[in-house]
Amino acid sequence: MRRLRRVRAGVIGAATVVSVLMVLLVLAAWRNDFEIERHRGVTSGEVLSAGRLRSAVMYVTPDSVTHNPKVGILYPTNLTVGQRINVEYSTRDPDLVRVAGRDARVAIVPAASVIVVAWGLALPALWLVRRKRREA
């Protein structure tokens, strides 16, 4: 009985942690967008590497400084190596850069999908735990 309560608490805890992390991810994306909008610079850049989750870009700011942010570019989907793109960056922190025209809204669907999957796995597990408790 005690073990089943722990399992139940663990399942609920894991699903809740995943959900909170996804909400924080979207809020962080909005905060980054807010920073870029407040101190916005626009230029063109070249995609150096392209991945589904991380892409690297190189661009030059008006002060002739070349930037290649270590953490990559925000909202990197559908980029290809060698592609020339417009980027928006924070003039206060030029390493905070996103693909022009994209914002935190592109993070909502993936984050919501992860939340749905987490609870989609948690609810049947909780149902099984409840059934086992009744049998015990």
N, C-alpha and C. Protein backbone atom coordinates (compact mmCIF):
# COMPACT_ATOMS: atom_id res chain seq x y z
N MET A 1 0.83 -1.20 0.00
CA MET A 1 0.00 0.00 0.00
C MET A 1 0.88 1.27 0.00
N ARG A 2 1.87 1.26 0.89
CA ARG A 2 2.76 2.41 0.98
C ARG A 2 3.57 2.56 -0.30
N ARG A 3 3.98 1.43 -0.87
CA ARG A 3 4.75 1.45 -2.11
C ARG A 3 3.92 2.03 -3.26
N LEU A 4 2.65 1.67 -3.31
CA LEU A 4 1.77 2.20 -4.36
C LEU A 4 1.56 3.70 -4.21
N ARG A 5 1.52 4.17 -2.97
CA ARG A 5 1.39 5.62 -2.75
C ARG A 5 2.63 6.34 -3.26
N ARG A 6 3.79 5.74 -3.03
CA ARG A 6 5.04 6.34 -3.52
C ARG A 6 5.08 6.36 -5.04
N VAL A 7 4.64 5.26 -5.65
CA VAL A 7 4.60 5.21 -7.11
C VAL A 7 3.67 6.28 -7.64
N ARG A 8 2.50 6.38 -7.02
CA ARG A 8 1.51 7.40 -7.44
C ARG A 8 2.12 8.80 -7.32
N ALA A 9 2.76 9.08 -6.17
CA ALA A 9 3.37 10.39 -5.96
C ALA A 9 4.49 10.63 -6.97
N GLY A 10 5.26 9.59 -7.29
CA GLY A 10 6.33 9.73 -8.26
C GLY A 10 5.82 10.03 -9.66
N VAL A 11 4.75 9.35 -10.05
CA VAL A 11 4.17 9.58 -11.38
C VAL A 11 3.61 10.99 -11.47
N ILE A 12 2.85 11.39 -10.45
CA ILE A 12 2.29 12.75 -10.45
C ILE A 12 3.42 13.78 -10.41
N GLY A 13 4.43 13.53 -9.59
CA GLY A 13 5.56 14.45 -9.49
C GLY A 13 6.30 14.60 -10.81
N ALA A 14 6.56 13.48 -11.47
CA ALA A 14 7.29 13.53 -12.75
C ALA A 14 6.50 14.30 -13.81
N ALA A 15 5.22 13.99 -13.92
CA ALA A 15 4.39 14.68 -14.92
C ALA A 15 4.28 16.17 -14.60
N THR A 16 4.20 16.50 -13.33
CA THR A 16 4.10 17.90 -12.93
C THR A 16 5.42 18.63 -13.22
N VAL A 17 6.54 18.00 -12.90
CA VAL A 17 7.85 18.63 -13.17
C VAL A 17 8.02 18.88 -14.67
N VAL A 18 7.68 17.89 -15.49
CA VAL A 18 7.79 18.06 -16.94
C VAL A 18 6.90 19.22 -17.39
N SER A 19 5.69 19.28 -16.88
CA SER A 19 4.76 20.35 -17.26
C SER A 19 5.28 21.72 -16.87
N VAL A 20 5.78 21.84 -15.66
CA VAL A 20 6.32 23.12 -15.18
C VAL A 20 7.53 23.52 -16.02
N LEU A 21 8.41 22.57 -16.33
CA LEU A 21 9.59 22.89 -17.15
C LEU A 21 9.18 23.39 -18.54
N MET A 22 8.16 22.80 -19.11
CA MET A 22 7.72 23.24 -20.44
C MET A 22 7.12 24.65 -20.37
N VAL A 23 6.37 24.94 -19.32
CA VAL A 23 5.82 26.29 -19.16
C VAL A 23 6.97 27.29 -18.98
N LEU A 24 7.96 26.91 -18.17
CA LEU A 24 9.13 27.79 -17.97
C LEU A 24 9.90 28.01 -19.27
N LEU A 25 9.98 26.98 -20.09
CA LEU A 25 10.66 27.10 -21.38
C LEU A 25 9.98 28.16 -22.26
N VAL A 26 8.65 28.11 -22.31
CA VAL A 26 7.91 29.09 -23.12
C VAL A 26 8.05 30.49 -22.51
N LEU A 27 7.99 30.59 -21.19
CA LEU A 27 8.17 31.90 -20.55
C LEU A 27 9.57 32.46 -20.80
N ALA A 28 10.58 31.60 -20.78
CA ALA A 28 11.94 32.05 -21.07
C ALA A 28 12.06 32.53 -22.51
N ALA A 29 11.40 31.84 -23.42
CA ALA A 29 11.41 32.27 -24.83
C ALA A 29 10.77 33.65 -24.96
N TRP A 30 9.66 33.87 -24.24
CA TRP A 30 9.02 35.18 -24.28
C TRP A 30 9.92 36.26 -23.68
N ARG A 31 10.63 35.91 -22.61
CA ARG A 31 11.54 36.88 -22.02
C ARG A 31 12.66 37.24 -23.00
N ASN A 32 13.19 36.25 -23.68
CA ASN A 32 14.23 36.52 -24.68
C ASN A 32 13.68 37.41 -25.80
N ASP A 33 12.47 37.10 -26.26
CA ASP A 33 11.86 37.93 -27.30
C ASP A 33 11.66 39.37 -26.82
N PHE A 34 11.24 39.52 -25.57
CA PHE A 34 11.04 40.86 -25.01
C PHE A 34 12.36 41.63 -25.01
N GLU A 35 13.44 40.96 -24.62
CA GLU A 35 14.76 41.60 -24.62
C GLU A 35 15.18 42.00 -26.03
N ILE A 36 14.94 41.12 -26.98
CA ILE A 36 15.29 41.44 -28.38
C ILE A 36 14.45 42.61 -28.88
N GLU A 37 13.15 42.60 -28.57
CA GLU A 37 12.27 43.69 -29.02
C GLU A 37 12.67 45.03 -28.40
N ARG A 38 13.08 45.04 -27.14
CA ARG A 38 13.45 46.29 -26.47
C ARG A 38 14.73 46.90 -27.04
N HIS A 39 15.65 46.07 -27.49
CA HIS A 39 16.95 46.54 -27.98
C HIS A 39 17.24 45.84 -29.30
N ARG A 40 16.37 46.04 -30.25
CA ARG A 40 16.40 45.26 -31.48
C ARG A 40 17.39 45.78 -32.51
N GLY A 41 18.18 44.83 -32.99
CA GLY A 41 19.04 45.07 -34.13
C GLY A 41 18.69 44.04 -35.19
N VAL A 42 18.81 44.41 -36.44
CA VAL A 42 18.48 43.50 -37.53
C VAL A 42 19.65 43.48 -38.51
N THR A 43 20.00 42.29 -38.94
CA THR A 43 21.06 42.13 -39.93
C THR A 43 20.86 40.79 -40.63
N SER A 44 21.74 40.49 -41.56
CA SER A 44 21.67 39.19 -42.21
C SER A 44 22.82 38.33 -41.69
N GLY A 45 22.60 37.03 -41.73
CA GLY A 45 23.61 36.11 -41.25
C GLY A 45 23.65 34.87 -42.12
N GLU A 46 24.66 34.06 -41.85
CA GLU A 46 24.82 32.81 -42.60
C GLU A 46 24.71 31.65 -41.62
N VAL A 47 23.93 30.64 -42.00
CA VAL A 47 23.77 29.46 -41.17
C VAL A 47 25.02 28.59 -41.32
N LEU A 48 25.70 28.34 -40.21
CA LEU A 48 26.93 27.54 -40.22
C LEU A 48 26.64 26.06 -39.99
N SER A 49 25.67 25.78 -39.14
CA SER A 49 25.24 24.40 -38.91
C SER A 49 23.74 24.44 -38.65
N ALA A 50 23.07 23.40 -39.08
CA ALA A 50 21.62 23.38 -38.95
C ALA A 50 21.18 22.06 -38.34
N GLY A 51 20.44 22.16 -37.27
CA GLY A 51 19.88 20.99 -36.61
C GLY A 51 18.44 21.28 -36.23
N ARG A 52 17.77 20.24 -35.81
CA ARG A 52 16.37 20.42 -35.44
C ARG A 52 16.23 21.24 -34.16
N LEU A 53 17.18 21.04 -33.24
CA LEU A 53 17.09 21.73 -31.95
C LEU A 53 18.09 22.86 -31.79
N ARG A 54 19.17 22.82 -32.55
CA ARG A 54 20.19 23.86 -32.42
C ARG A 54 20.82 24.12 -33.78
N SER A 55 20.94 25.38 -34.11
CA SER A 55 21.63 25.79 -35.33
C SER A 55 22.56 26.93 -35.00
N ALA A 56 23.71 26.95 -35.66
CA ALA A 56 24.69 28.03 -35.45
C ALA A 56 24.61 29.00 -36.62
N VAL A 57 24.76 30.27 -36.30
CA VAL A 57 24.70 31.31 -37.31
C VAL A 57 25.81 32.32 -37.03
N MET A 58 26.33 32.90 -38.11
CA MET A 58 27.35 33.94 -37.99
C MET A 58 26.79 35.20 -38.63
N TYR A 59 26.95 36.32 -37.95
CA TYR A 59 26.47 37.59 -38.49
C TYR A 59 27.36 38.72 -38.00
N VAL A 60 27.30 39.84 -38.70
CA VAL A 60 28.11 41.00 -38.36
C VAL A 60 27.18 42.13 -37.95
N THR A 61 27.45 42.74 -36.82
CA THR A 61 26.66 43.86 -36.34
C THR A 61 27.19 45.15 -36.96
N PRO A 62 26.43 46.25 -36.91
CA PRO A 62 26.85 47.50 -37.55
C PRO A 62 28.21 48.02 -37.07
N ASP A 63 28.66 47.61 -35.88
CA ASP A 63 29.97 48.05 -35.40
C ASP A 63 31.10 47.16 -35.95
N SER A 64 30.79 46.35 -36.98
CA SER A 64 31.75 45.48 -37.68
C SER A 64 32.30 44.34 -36.84
N VAL A 65 31.55 43.95 -35.81
CA VAL A 65 31.95 42.82 -34.98
C VAL A 65 31.20 41.58 -35.47
N THR A 66 31.95 40.50 -35.70
CA THR A 66 31.36 39.23 -36.13
C THR A 66 30.93 38.44 -34.91
N HIS A 67 29.70 37.92 -34.95
CA HIS A 67 29.15 37.15 -33.84
C HIS A 67 28.80 35.75 -34.31
N ASN A 68 29.07 34.79 -33.44
CA ASN A 68 28.70 33.40 -33.65
C ASN A 68 28.30 32.86 -32.27
N PRO A 69 27.06 33.11 -31.85
CA PRO A 69 26.65 32.75 -30.48
C PRO A 69 26.85 31.27 -30.19
N LYS A 70 27.47 30.99 -29.04
CA LYS A 70 27.75 29.62 -28.64
C LYS A 70 26.48 28.79 -28.43
N VAL A 71 25.42 29.43 -27.97
CA VAL A 71 24.18 28.69 -27.73
C VAL A 71 23.32 28.57 -28.97
N GLY A 72 23.77 29.17 -30.07
CA GLY A 72 23.02 29.07 -31.32
C GLY A 72 21.96 30.15 -31.44
N ILE A 73 21.06 29.91 -32.36
CA ILE A 73 20.02 30.88 -32.69
C ILE A 73 18.68 30.36 -32.17
N LEU A 74 17.83 31.28 -31.73
CA LEU A 74 16.50 30.89 -31.27
C LEU A 74 15.61 30.54 -32.45
N TYR A 75 14.76 29.56 -32.25
CA TYR A 75 13.78 29.12 -33.26
C TYR A 75 14.46 28.66 -34.55
N PRO A 76 15.31 27.62 -34.47
CA PRO A 76 16.18 27.24 -35.58
C PRO A 76 15.59 26.27 -36.60
N THR A 77 14.32 25.95 -36.53
CA THR A 77 13.79 24.93 -37.43
C THR A 77 13.83 25.36 -38.89
N ASN A 78 13.96 24.38 -39.76
CA ASN A 78 13.93 24.56 -41.22
C ASN A 78 15.03 25.46 -41.77
N LEU A 79 16.20 25.38 -41.17
CA LEU A 79 17.35 26.11 -41.70
C LEU A 79 18.29 25.11 -42.37
N THR A 80 19.05 25.58 -43.34
CA THR A 80 20.02 24.72 -44.01
C THR A 80 21.40 25.40 -43.99
N VAL A 81 22.42 24.58 -43.94
CA VAL A 81 23.79 25.10 -43.90
C VAL A 81 24.05 25.94 -45.15
N GLY A 82 24.65 27.11 -44.94
CA GLY A 82 24.96 28.01 -46.03
C GLY A 82 23.85 28.99 -46.36
N GLN A 83 22.69 28.79 -45.81
CA GLN A 83 21.54 29.66 -46.07
C GLN A 83 21.80 31.06 -45.50
N ARG A 84 21.42 32.07 -46.23
CA ARG A 84 21.48 33.45 -45.75
C ARG A 84 20.11 33.79 -45.19
N ILE A 85 20.10 34.26 -43.96
CA ILE A 85 18.83 34.58 -43.30
C ILE A 85 18.94 35.95 -42.64
N ASN A 86 17.80 36.55 -42.41
CA ASN A 86 17.75 37.77 -41.61
C ASN A 86 17.61 37.36 -40.16
N VAL A 87 18.35 38.04 -39.30
CA VAL A 87 18.29 37.76 -37.88
C VAL A 87 17.96 39.03 -37.11
N GLU A 88 17.34 38.84 -35.98
CA GLU A 88 17.07 39.93 -35.04
C GLU A 88 17.83 39.59 -33.77
N TYR A 89 18.51 40.57 -33.21
CA TYR A 89 19.33 40.33 -32.03
C TYR A 89 19.16 41.48 -31.06
N SER A 90 19.57 41.26 -29.83
CA SER A 90 19.55 42.31 -28.83
C SER A 90 20.84 43.12 -28.96
N THR A 91 20.71 44.42 -29.11
CA THR A 91 21.91 45.25 -29.21
C THR A 91 22.66 45.30 -27.88
N ARG A 92 21.98 45.00 -26.79
CA ARG A 92 22.65 44.93 -25.48
C ARG A 92 23.39 43.62 -25.29
N ASP A 93 22.90 42.56 -25.94
CA ASP A 93 23.53 41.23 -25.86
C ASP A 93 23.45 40.60 -27.24
N PRO A 94 24.40 40.90 -28.12
CA PRO A 94 24.34 40.43 -29.51
C PRO A 94 24.32 38.90 -29.66
N ASP A 95 24.67 38.18 -28.60
CA ASP A 95 24.60 36.71 -28.68
C ASP A 95 23.18 36.19 -28.47
N LEU A 96 22.26 37.08 -28.12
CA LEU A 96 20.84 36.72 -28.01
C LEU A 96 20.22 37.04 -29.36
N VAL A 97 20.03 36.02 -30.19
CA VAL A 97 19.64 36.21 -31.58
C VAL A 97 18.56 35.20 -31.98
N ARG A 98 17.68 35.63 -32.85
CA ARG A 98 16.62 34.76 -33.35
C ARG A 98 16.47 34.94 -34.85
N VAL A 99 15.84 33.97 -35.47
CA VAL A 99 15.51 34.09 -36.88
C VAL A 99 14.46 35.20 -37.00
N ALA A 100 14.68 36.14 -37.89
CA ALA A 100 13.74 37.25 -38.06
C ALA A 100 12.35 36.73 -38.41
N GLY A 101 11.35 37.32 -37.78
CA GLY A 101 9.97 36.95 -38.06
C GLY A 101 9.46 35.80 -37.21
N ARG A 102 10.31 35.19 -36.41
CA ARG A 102 9.88 34.11 -35.53
C ARG A 102 9.91 34.61 -34.09
N ASP A 103 9.02 34.05 -33.28
CA ASP A 103 9.01 34.43 -31.87
C ASP A 103 8.57 33.24 -31.02
N ALA A 104 8.29 33.51 -29.76
CA ALA A 104 8.00 32.45 -28.79
C ALA A 104 6.77 31.61 -29.16
N ARG A 105 5.93 32.12 -30.02
CA ARG A 105 4.75 31.33 -30.41
C ARG A 105 5.13 29.99 -31.03
N VAL A 106 6.31 29.91 -31.67
CA VAL A 106 6.71 28.64 -32.27
C VAL A 106 7.10 27.61 -31.21
N ALA A 107 7.29 28.05 -29.97
CA ALA A 107 7.64 27.12 -28.89
C ALA A 107 6.41 26.55 -28.20
N ILE A 108 5.25 27.14 -28.41
CA ILE A 108 4.05 26.72 -27.68
C ILE A 108 3.61 25.31 -28.07
N VAL A 109 3.53 25.02 -29.35
CA VAL A 109 3.05 23.70 -29.78
C VAL A 109 3.97 22.57 -29.31
N PRO A 110 5.30 22.68 -29.50
CA PRO A 110 6.16 21.61 -28.99
C PRO A 110 6.06 21.44 -27.47
N ALA A 111 6.01 22.55 -26.74
CA ALA A 111 5.92 22.47 -25.28
C ALA A 111 4.60 21.84 -24.86
N ALA A 112 3.52 22.26 -25.49
CA ALA A 112 2.21 21.68 -25.17
C ALA A 112 2.18 20.19 -25.52
N SER A 113 2.83 19.82 -26.60
CA SER A 113 2.88 18.41 -27.00
C SER A 113 3.60 17.56 -25.94
N VAL A 114 4.68 18.09 -25.41
CA VAL A 114 5.41 17.37 -24.36
C VAL A 114 4.54 17.21 -23.12
N ILE A 115 3.80 18.26 -22.77
CA ILE A 115 2.91 18.19 -21.61
C ILE A 115 1.83 17.13 -21.85
N VAL A 116 1.24 17.13 -23.03
CA VAL A 116 0.20 16.15 -23.35
C VAL A 116 0.76 14.73 -23.29
N VAL A 117 1.94 14.51 -23.82
CA VAL A 117 2.55 13.18 -23.78
C VAL A 117 2.85 12.77 -22.34
N ALA A 118 3.40 13.70 -21.55
CA ALA A 118 3.72 13.39 -20.15
C ALA A 118 2.46 12.94 -19.39
N TRP A 119 1.39 13.69 -19.54
CA TRP A 119 0.16 13.32 -18.84
C TRP A 119 -0.53 12.14 -19.53
N GLY A 120 -0.31 11.99 -20.81
CA GLY A 120 -0.86 10.83 -21.52
C GLY A 120 -0.22 9.53 -21.04
N LEU A 121 1.02 9.60 -20.59
CA LEU A 121 1.67 8.44 -19.99
C LEU A 121 1.33 8.32 -18.50
N ALA A 122 1.21 9.46 -17.83
CA ALA A 122 0.96 9.45 -16.38
C ALA A 122 -0.44 8.95 -16.03
N LEU A 123 -1.44 9.38 -16.78
CA LEU A 123 -2.82 9.01 -16.42
C LEU A 123 -3.07 7.51 -16.47
N PRO A 124 -2.65 6.79 -17.52
CA PRO A 124 -2.84 5.34 -17.48
C PRO A 124 -2.04 4.68 -16.34
N ALA A 125 -0.86 5.21 -16.05
CA ALA A 125 -0.07 4.67 -14.94
C ALA A 125 -0.80 4.89 -13.62
N LEU A 126 -1.38 6.07 -13.45
CA LEU A 126 -2.15 6.34 -12.23
C LEU A 126 -3.38 5.44 -12.14
N TRP A 127 -4.00 5.19 -13.27
CA TRP A 127 -5.16 4.29 -13.30
C TRP A 127 -4.74 2.89 -12.86
N LEU A 128 -3.58 2.42 -13.35
CA LEU A 128 -3.08 1.09 -12.95
C LEU A 128 -2.77 1.04 -11.46
N VAL A 129 -2.16 2.10 -10.94
CA VAL A 129 -1.85 2.16 -9.51
C VAL A 129 -3.13 2.13 -8.69
N ARG A 130 -4.11 2.87 -9.13
CA ARG A 130 -5.40 2.89 -8.42
C ARG A 130 -6.05 1.50 -8.43
N ARG A 131 -5.96 0.84 -9.57
CA ARG A 131 -6.53 -0.52 -9.68
C ARG A 131 -5.81 -1.48 -8.75
N LYS A 132 -4.49 -1.37 -8.70
CA LYS A 132 -3.71 -2.24 -7.80
C LYS A 132 -4.04 -1.97 -6.34
N ARG A 133 -4.26 -0.71 -5.99
CA ARG A 133 -4.63 -0.37 -4.60
C ARG A 133 -5.96 -0.99 -4.24
N ARG A 134 -6.89 -1.00 -5.15
CA ARG A 134 -8.21 -1.60 -4.87
C ARG A 134 -8.11 -3.11 -4.69
N GLU A 135 -7.21 -3.72 -5.45
CA GLU A 135 -7.01 -5.17 -5.36
C GLU A 135 -6.33 -5.56 -4.05
N ALA A 136 -5.51 -4.66 -3.53
CA ALA A 136 -4.72 -4.98 -2.33
C ALA A 136 -5.54 -4.91 -1.06
